[in-house]
Amino acid sequence: MSEKQRGETNGERACGLDELPEVGAIQVIIAGEMIAIVRDEQGDVHALADMCTHATVPLSEGEVDDCTIECWLHGSRFDLRTGEPTGLPAITPVDVYPVTIDGDDVYVDTSRTVGADNAATSGAAASKES
């Protein structure tokens, strides 16, 4: 989703854009869940469950490369758009949540997940248009 959908925010405010690294992730807690808010190399913002499905390690502590995030412990990689693992040893995807950018605020809707089949069209990532 882009800023053009201003006023149509869904979910809870997760953070401000200024709280995110240029490329990288932070951890936020929404409704008692640890969520990784990630800005990729293209500047798009993603939200996913902040726990590697192979080991109990926060993904927000890992490195972002292109549109994946790496678990620092064993090297599993996850696609930021779909949650699908792109590198072993993880074989189970992580949940991905819809993101909305309203001004400089990032909102995440944890009431629904974005599946691999519809991530490209459902607005799993958000970008701020300047």
C-alpha atoms as a PDB file:
ATOM      1  CA  MET A   1       0.000   0.000   0.000  1.00  0.00           C
ATOM      2  CA  SER A   2       1.145   3.497  -0.529  1.00  0.00           C
ATOM      3  CA  GLU A   3       0.536   6.855   1.053  1.00  0.00           C
ATOM      4  CA  LYS A   4      -2.206   7.503  -1.502  1.00  0.00           C
ATOM      5  CA  GLN A   5      -4.462   5.411   0.727  1.00  0.00           C
ATOM      6  CA  ARG A   6      -4.089   7.916   3.537  1.00  0.00           C
ATOM      7  CA  GLY A   7      -7.017   7.840   5.920  1.00  0.00           C
ATOM      8  CA  GLU A   8      -7.642   4.168   5.254  1.00  0.00           C
ATOM      9  CA  THR A   9      -5.287   2.931   7.953  1.00  0.00           C
ATOM     10  CA  ASN A  10      -5.992  -0.466   9.366  1.00  0.00           C
ATOM     11  CA  GLY A  11      -4.399  -1.948  12.403  1.00  0.00           C
ATOM     12  CA  GLU A  12      -2.307  -0.432  15.139  1.00  0.00           C
ATOM     13  CA  ARG A  13       0.464   2.119  14.916  1.00  0.00           C
ATOM     14  CA  ALA A  14       3.712   0.172  15.050  1.00  0.00           C
ATOM     15  CA  CYS A  15       6.306   2.949  14.735  1.00  0.00           C
ATOM     16  CA  GLY A  16       7.318   6.045  12.852  1.00  0.00           C
ATOM     17  CA  LEU A  17       9.281   5.815   9.626  1.00  0.00           C
ATOM     18  CA  ASP A  18      12.067   7.746  11.349  1.00  0.00           C
ATOM     19  CA  GLU A  19      12.444   4.886  13.858  1.00  0.00           C
ATOM     20  CA  LEU A  20      13.386   2.416  11.108  1.00  0.00           C
ATOM     21  CA  PRO A  21      16.929   1.995   9.853  1.00  0.00           C
ATOM     22  CA  GLU A  22      17.514   2.873   6.193  1.00  0.00           C
ATOM     23  CA  VAL A  23      17.716  -0.885   5.542  1.00  0.00           C
ATOM     24  CA  GLY A  24      17.008  -3.201   8.450  1.00  0.00           C
ATOM     25  CA  ALA A  25      14.509  -4.134  11.126  1.00  0.00           C
ATOM     26  CA  ILE A  26      13.198  -3.243  14.550  1.00  0.00           C
ATOM     27  CA  GLN A  27      11.025  -5.196  16.942  1.00  0.00           C
ATOM     28  CA  VAL A  28       7.679  -3.869  18.152  1.00  0.00           C
ATOM     29  CA  ILE A  29       4.986  -5.439  20.305  1.00  0.00           C
ATOM     30  CA  ILE A  30       1.438  -5.312  18.950  1.00  0.00           C
ATOM     31  CA  ALA A  31      -1.407  -7.027  20.822  1.00  0.00           C
ATOM     32  CA  GLY A  32       1.161  -9.001  22.813  1.00  0.00           C
ATOM     33  CA  GLU A  33       2.919 -10.308  19.681  1.00  0.00           C
ATOM     34  CA  MET A  34       6.529  -9.624  18.698  1.00  0.00           C
ATOM     35  CA  ILE A  35       6.493  -8.131  15.199  1.00  0.00           C
ATOM     36  CA  ALA A  36       9.491  -7.282  13.016  1.00  0.00           C
ATOM     37  CA  ILE A  37       9.042  -4.044  11.089  1.00  0.00           C
ATOM     38  CA  VAL A  38      11.490  -4.175   8.199  1.00  0.00           C
ATOM     39  CA  ARG A  39      12.587  -1.671   5.575  1.00  0.00           C
ATOM     40  CA  ASP A  40      14.081  -3.391   2.544  1.00  0.00           C
ATOM     41  CA  GLU A  41      16.660  -2.096   0.062  1.00  0.00           C
ATOM     42  CA  GLN A  42      13.914  -0.598  -2.145  1.00  0.00           C
ATOM     43  CA  GLY A  43      12.524   1.374   0.811  1.00  0.00           C
ATOM     44  CA  ASP A  44       9.383  -0.758   1.187  1.00  0.00           C
ATOM     45  CA  VAL A  45       8.201  -1.494   4.717  1.00  0.00           C
ATOM     46  CA  HIS A  46       7.124  -4.988   5.753  1.00  0.00           C
ATOM     47  CA  ALA A  47       5.764  -6.578   8.935  1.00  0.00           C
ATOM     48  CA  LEU A  48       6.238 -10.195   9.945  1.00  0.00           C
ATOM     49  CA  ALA A  49       6.210 -12.401  13.004  1.00  0.00           C
ATOM     50  CA  ASP A  50       9.504 -11.732  14.761  1.00  0.00           C
ATOM     51  CA  MET A  51      10.533 -15.296  15.470  1.00  0.00           C
ATOM     52  CA  CYS A  52      12.447 -17.704  13.280  1.00  0.00           C
ATOM     53  CA  THR A  53      10.412 -20.868  12.723  1.00  0.00           C
ATOM     54  CA  HIS A  54      13.532 -23.012  13.034  1.00  0.00           C
ATOM     55  CA  ALA A  55      14.884 -21.624  16.307  1.00  0.00           C
ATOM     56  CA  THR A  56      13.574 -19.221  18.930  1.00  0.00           C
ATOM     57  CA  VAL A  57      15.504 -16.229  17.634  1.00  0.00           C
ATOM     58  CA  PRO A  58      14.097 -12.778  16.759  1.00  0.00           C
ATOM     59  CA  LEU A  59      14.355 -12.132  13.027  1.00  0.00           C
ATOM     60  CA  SER A  60      14.620  -8.398  13.711  1.00  0.00           C
ATOM     61  CA  GLU A  61      18.197  -9.072  14.858  1.00  0.00           C
ATOM     62  CA  GLY A  62      19.102 -10.424  11.409  1.00  0.00           C
ATOM     63  CA  GLU A  63      20.420  -8.848   8.228  1.00  0.00           C
ATOM     64  CA  VAL A  64      18.148  -7.624   5.428  1.00  0.00           C
ATOM     65  CA  ASP A  65      19.278  -8.410   1.888  1.00  0.00           C
ATOM     66  CA  ASP A  66      17.124  -7.371  -1.066  1.00  0.00           C
ATOM     67  CA  CYS A  67      13.667  -8.610  -0.004  1.00  0.00           C
ATOM     68  CA  THR A  68      14.728 -11.227   2.565  1.00  0.00           C
ATOM     69  CA  ILE A  69      15.714 -11.262   6.206  1.00  0.00           C
ATOM     70  CA  GLU A  70      18.230 -13.695   7.638  1.00  0.00           C
ATOM     71  CA  CYS A  71      18.113 -15.404  11.021  1.00  0.00           C
ATOM     72  CA  TRP A  72      21.564 -14.756  12.447  1.00  0.00           C
ATOM     73  CA  LEU A  73      21.742 -18.034  14.379  1.00  0.00           C
ATOM     74  CA  HIS A  74      21.586 -20.671  11.621  1.00  0.00           C
ATOM     75  CA  GLY A  75      21.281 -18.596   8.433  1.00  0.00           C
ATOM     76  CA  SER A  76      17.661 -19.302   7.500  1.00  0.00           C
ATOM     77  CA  ARG A  77      16.263 -16.621   5.180  1.00  0.00           C
ATOM     78  CA  PHE A  78      12.643 -15.526   4.811  1.00  0.00           C
ATOM     79  CA  ASP A  79      10.957 -13.624   1.979  1.00  0.00           C
ATOM     80  CA  LEU A  80       9.625 -10.351   3.423  1.00  0.00           C
ATOM     81  CA  ARG A  81       6.611 -10.367   1.080  1.00  0.00           C
ATOM     82  CA  THR A  82       5.412 -13.915   1.679  1.00  0.00           C
ATOM     83  CA  GLY A  83       7.133 -15.203   4.815  1.00  0.00           C
ATOM     84  CA  GLU A  84       8.311 -18.250   2.885  1.00  0.00           C
ATOM     85  CA  PRO A  85      11.731 -19.603   3.847  1.00  0.00           C
ATOM     86  CA  THR A  86      14.250 -19.115   1.052  1.00  0.00           C
ATOM     87  CA  GLY A  87      17.155 -20.778   2.820  1.00  0.00           C
ATOM     88  CA  LEU A  88      17.519 -23.784   5.095  1.00  0.00           C
ATOM     89  CA  PRO A  89      17.336 -24.937   7.798  1.00  0.00           C
ATOM     90  CA  ALA A  90      13.875 -23.327   8.230  1.00  0.00           C
ATOM     91  CA  ILE A  91      11.096 -24.991   6.241  1.00  0.00           C
ATOM     92  CA  THR A  92       8.031 -23.331   7.834  1.00  0.00           C
ATOM     93  CA  PRO A  93       7.017 -19.810   6.775  1.00  0.00           C
ATOM     94  CA  VAL A  94       6.574 -16.903   9.183  1.00  0.00           C
ATOM     95  CA  ASP A  95       3.368 -14.866   9.260  1.00  0.00           C
ATOM     96  CA  VAL A  96       3.350 -11.651   7.221  1.00  0.00           C
ATOM     97  CA  TYR A  97       0.956  -8.815   8.070  1.00  0.00           C
ATOM     98  CA  PRO A  98      -0.487  -5.994   5.956  1.00  0.00           C
ATOM     99  CA  VAL A  99       1.217  -2.619   6.382  1.00  0.00           C
ATOM    100  CA  THR A 100      -0.197   0.855   5.828  1.00  0.00           C
ATOM    101  CA  ILE A 101       1.813   4.081   5.843  1.00  0.00           C
ATOM    102  CA  ASP A 102      -0.122   7.166   6.920  1.00  0.00           C
ATOM    103  CA  GLY A 103       2.097  10.237   6.819  1.00  0.00           C
ATOM    104  CA  ASP A 104       5.182   9.172   8.743  1.00  0.00           C
ATOM    105  CA  ASP A 105       3.396   6.463  10.758  1.00  0.00           C
ATOM    106  CA  VAL A 106       3.552   2.723  10.089  1.00  0.00           C
ATOM    107  CA  TYR A 107       0.390   0.732  10.872  1.00  0.00           C
ATOM    108  CA  VAL A 108       0.200  -3.056  11.019  1.00  0.00           C
ATOM    109  CA  ASP A 109      -2.949  -5.178  10.918  1.00  0.00           C
ATOM    110  CA  THR A 110      -2.170  -8.301  12.958  1.00  0.00           C
ATOM    111  CA  SER A 111      -5.780  -9.494  12.716  1.00  0.00           C
ATOM    112  CA  ARG A 112      -5.016 -11.020   9.329  1.00  0.00           C
ATOM    113  CA  THR A 113      -2.025 -12.506   7.596  1.00  0.00           C
ATOM    114  CA  VAL A 114      -0.870 -12.240   4.028  1.00  0.00           C
ATOM    115  CA  GLY A 115      -0.319 -15.584   2.370  1.00  0.00           C
ATOM    116  CA  ALA A 116       2.224 -16.444  -0.275  1.00  0.00           C
ATOM    117  CA  ASP A 117      -0.517 -16.712  -2.913  1.00  0.00           C
ATOM    118  CA  ASN A 118      -1.755 -13.129  -2.577  1.00  0.00           C
ATOM    119  CA  ALA A 119       1.147 -11.127  -1.139  1.00  0.00           C
ATOM    120  CA  ALA A 120       1.866  -9.323  -4.391  1.00  0.00           C
ATOM    121  CA  THR A 121      -1.662  -7.939  -4.688  1.00  0.00           C
ATOM    122  CA  SER A 122      -2.801  -7.598  -1.114  1.00  0.00           C
ATOM    123  CA  GLY A 123      -0.580  -4.788   0.080  1.00  0.00           C
ATOM    124  CA  ALA A 124       1.737  -6.759   2.329  1.00  0.00           C
ATOM    125  CA  ALA A 125       4.367  -4.046   1.936  1.00  0.00           C
ATOM    126  CA  ALA A 126       3.999  -0.315   2.007  1.00  0.00           C
ATOM    127  CA  SER A 127       6.087   2.390   0.476  1.00  0.00           C
ATOM    128  CA  LYS A 128       6.080   6.080   1.143  1.00  0.00           C
ATOM    129  CA  GLU A 129       5.753   8.092  -2.019  1.00  0.00           C
ATOM    130  CA  SER A 130       7.614  11.382  -1.932  1.00  0.00           C
END
